[in-house]
């Protein structure tokens, strides 16, 4: 079990609600916890380096920004190539999410997924075409699945496995 101090527990609790939408969110958080902006950043760096938290992420509400043509492109690629191909896909600036999933045979043969958000369907299709051409995926079985429903996304919540020091 990993031990963390009370301030770090407080910091994690504040982060669970998301970063404040202000120009200096770490300074804002520091103000809530009686820490300087630099101390908040140093604590977060330590929590990341020690593996207490694995990453900091954010949820972008694409629809509110005008991105209504959102598509998940999926491919069936050899298992021994999926990591390298995924890394290539993730390097494209318009790919917002890229990951591997287990196939669900016989109905779902796809194991490589890449999300592209856009304002126009034709543009998103052109970008996925660019992925197919530049990464060499055009001949691989694939599909493009456009979103037609929005689902609520939530930030991660921290739970078991952490003990307070002291």
Protein backbone atom coordinates (compact mmCIF):
# COMPACT_ATOMS: atom_id res chain seq x y z
CA UNK A 1 0.00 0.00 0.00
CA UNK A 2 1.27 3.47 -0.90
CA UNK A 3 1.18 6.13 1.79
CA UNK A 4 0.53 9.78 1.02
CA UNK A 5 0.17 12.76 3.32
CA UNK A 6 -3.00 14.73 4.10
CA UNK A 7 -2.12 17.55 1.67
CA UNK A 8 -1.81 15.10 -1.20
CA UNK A 9 -5.13 13.52 -0.26
CA UNK A 10 -6.67 17.00 -0.32
CA UNK A 11 -5.01 17.73 -3.65
CA UNK A 12 -6.38 14.51 -5.17
CA UNK A 13 -9.85 15.33 -3.84
CA UNK A 14 -9.76 18.78 -5.44
CA UNK A 15 -8.51 17.34 -8.74
CA UNK A 16 -11.36 14.81 -8.81
CA UNK A 17 -13.71 17.69 -9.63
CA UNK A 18 -11.51 18.83 -12.51
CA UNK A 19 -9.21 21.77 -13.03
CA UNK A 20 -10.76 25.19 -12.52
CA UNK A 21 -11.31 27.04 -15.80
CA UNK A 22 -9.00 29.93 -15.01
CA UNK A 23 -5.71 31.05 -16.58
CA UNK A 24 -3.65 29.56 -13.71
CA UNK A 25 -5.53 26.52 -12.39
CA UNK A 26 -2.66 25.27 -10.20
CA UNK A 27 -2.46 28.64 -8.46
CA UNK A 28 -6.23 28.48 -7.88
CA UNK A 29 -5.93 24.99 -6.40
CA UNK A 30 -2.99 26.12 -4.30
CA UNK A 31 -5.13 28.92 -2.90
CA UNK A 32 -7.71 26.37 -1.76
CA UNK A 33 -5.05 24.23 -0.07
CA UNK A 34 -2.73 26.92 1.33
CA UNK A 35 -0.01 25.92 -1.15
CA UNK A 36 1.85 27.96 -3.73
CA UNK A 37 1.36 27.23 -7.42
CA UNK A 38 4.91 25.81 -7.51
CA UNK A 39 4.13 23.50 -4.56
CA UNK A 40 1.01 22.16 -6.30
CA UNK A 41 3.00 21.46 -9.46
CA UNK A 42 5.82 19.83 -7.47
CA UNK A 43 3.36 17.62 -5.59
CA UNK A 44 1.67 16.57 -8.83
CA UNK A 45 5.04 15.81 -10.40
CA UNK A 46 5.92 13.64 -7.37
CA UNK A 47 2.56 11.83 -7.51
CA UNK A 48 3.16 11.09 -11.21
CA UNK A 49 6.79 10.03 -10.77
CA UNK A 50 5.94 7.66 -7.92
CA UNK A 51 3.02 6.16 -9.81
CA UNK A 52 0.41 7.26 -7.29
CA UNK A 53 -1.32 8.84 -10.26
CA UNK A 54 -0.56 7.61 -13.76
CA UNK A 55 -1.56 10.63 -15.78
CA UNK A 56 -3.46 13.87 -15.80
CA UNK A 57 -6.07 14.09 -18.50
CA UNK A 58 -8.97 16.19 -19.49
CA UNK A 59 -12.36 15.78 -21.04
CA UNK A 60 -13.08 18.17 -23.87
CA UNK A 61 -16.75 18.79 -24.58
CA UNK A 62 -16.35 18.68 -28.35
CA UNK A 63 -19.98 19.33 -29.19
CA UNK A 64 -19.93 22.68 -27.39
CA UNK A 65 -16.89 23.67 -29.46
CA UNK A 66 -18.69 22.94 -32.72
CA UNK A 67 -17.20 19.49 -33.34
CA UNK A 68 -20.24 17.50 -34.39
CA UNK A 69 -18.71 15.09 -36.93
CA UNK A 70 -17.00 12.67 -34.55
CA UNK A 71 -15.87 9.31 -35.84
CA UNK A 72 -14.15 6.25 -34.49
CA UNK A 73 -12.07 4.54 -37.16
CA UNK A 74 -11.40 0.88 -36.49
CA UNK A 75 -9.01 -1.55 -38.17
CA UNK A 76 -8.23 -5.24 -38.02
CA UNK A 77 -4.44 -5.37 -37.93
CA UNK A 78 -2.00 -8.13 -36.96
CA UNK A 79 -1.60 -8.28 -33.19
CA UNK A 80 2.17 -8.01 -33.44
CA UNK A 81 1.85 -4.74 -35.41
CA UNK A 82 -0.92 -2.98 -33.47
CA UNK A 83 1.38 -1.12 -31.04
CA UNK A 84 3.59 0.31 -33.78
CA UNK A 85 0.64 1.22 -35.99
CA UNK A 86 -1.17 2.79 -33.04
CA UNK A 87 1.88 4.91 -32.25
CA UNK A 88 1.94 6.13 -35.85
CA UNK A 89 -1.75 7.01 -35.76
CA UNK A 90 -1.41 8.81 -32.43
CA UNK A 91 1.21 11.14 -33.96
CA UNK A 92 -1.37 12.73 -36.26
CA UNK A 93 -2.59 16.00 -34.74
CA UNK A 94 -6.24 15.30 -35.58
CA UNK A 95 -6.28 11.91 -33.81
CA UNK A 96 -7.63 12.66 -30.35
CA UNK A 97 -7.64 9.13 -28.97
CA UNK A 98 -5.95 5.94 -30.11
CA UNK A 99 -5.96 2.54 -28.43
CA UNK A 100 -6.01 -1.22 -28.78
CA UNK A 101 -8.93 -3.47 -27.85
CA UNK A 102 -9.45 -7.19 -27.91
CA UNK A 103 -11.37 -8.50 -30.88
CA UNK A 104 -14.85 -9.86 -30.15
CA UNK A 105 -14.95 -12.67 -32.68
CA UNK A 106 -16.79 -13.66 -34.74
CA UNK A 107 -18.78 -10.41 -34.83
CA UNK A 108 -16.11 -7.75 -34.25
CA UNK A 109 -12.66 -8.37 -35.78
CA UNK A 110 -11.21 -4.90 -35.05
CA UNK A 111 -8.38 -4.33 -32.59
CA UNK A 112 -7.06 -0.81 -33.40
CA UNK A 113 -9.20 2.27 -32.69
CA UNK A 114 -8.61 5.97 -33.46
CA UNK A 115 -10.99 8.84 -32.70
CA UNK A 116 -11.18 11.89 -34.97
CA UNK A 117 -13.30 14.89 -34.02
CA UNK A 118 -14.29 17.38 -36.66
CA UNK A 119 -16.73 20.08 -37.63
CA UNK A 120 -17.59 18.54 -41.01
CA UNK A 121 -18.16 14.90 -41.89
CA UNK A 122 -16.33 15.21 -45.23
CA UNK A 123 -13.24 16.61 -43.49
CA UNK A 124 -13.20 13.78 -40.94
CA UNK A 125 -13.51 11.20 -43.73
CA UNK A 126 -10.62 12.88 -45.58
CA UNK A 127 -8.48 12.76 -42.44
CA UNK A 128 -9.23 9.07 -41.93
CA UNK A 129 -8.33 8.54 -45.59
CA UNK A 130 -5.03 10.28 -44.87
CA UNK A 131 -4.44 7.85 -41.98
CA UNK A 132 -5.16 4.90 -44.24
CA UNK A 133 -2.81 6.16 -46.94
CA UNK A 134 0.10 7.41 -44.83
CA UNK A 135 0.13 4.57 -42.30
CA UNK A 136 -0.56 1.89 -44.92
CA UNK A 137 -3.91 0.77 -43.56
CA UNK A 138 -6.08 1.16 -46.67
CA UNK A 139 -5.95 -2.57 -47.50
CA UNK A 140 -6.70 -3.64 -43.93
CA UNK A 141 -10.33 -4.38 -43.00
CA UNK A 142 -11.71 -1.21 -41.41
CA UNK A 143 -14.83 0.80 -40.66
CA UNK A 144 -15.65 4.39 -39.82
CA UNK A 145 -18.28 4.79 -37.12
CA UNK A 146 -19.77 8.27 -36.68
CA UNK A 147 -21.28 9.22 -33.35
CA UNK A 148 -24.99 9.92 -33.32
CA UNK A 149 -25.42 10.13 -29.56
CA UNK A 150 -23.50 11.97 -26.86
CA UNK A 151 -22.57 10.17 -23.67
CA UNK A 152 -21.69 11.81 -20.40
CA UNK A 153 -17.99 11.60 -19.56
CA UNK A 154 -16.67 11.81 -16.01
CA UNK A 155 -13.24 12.23 -14.53
CA UNK A 156 -11.61 9.35 -12.70
CA UNK A 157 -12.31 9.01 -9.01
CA UNK A 158 -9.64 7.95 -6.58
CA UNK A 159 -10.35 5.11 -4.22
CA UNK A 160 -8.71 2.20 -2.46
CA UNK A 161 -5.02 1.44 -2.34
CA UNK A 162 -3.96 4.71 -0.79
CA UNK A 163 -3.34 5.15 2.90
CA UNK A 164 -2.80 8.39 4.73
CA UNK A 165 0.63 8.82 6.20
CA UNK A 166 0.86 9.67 9.82
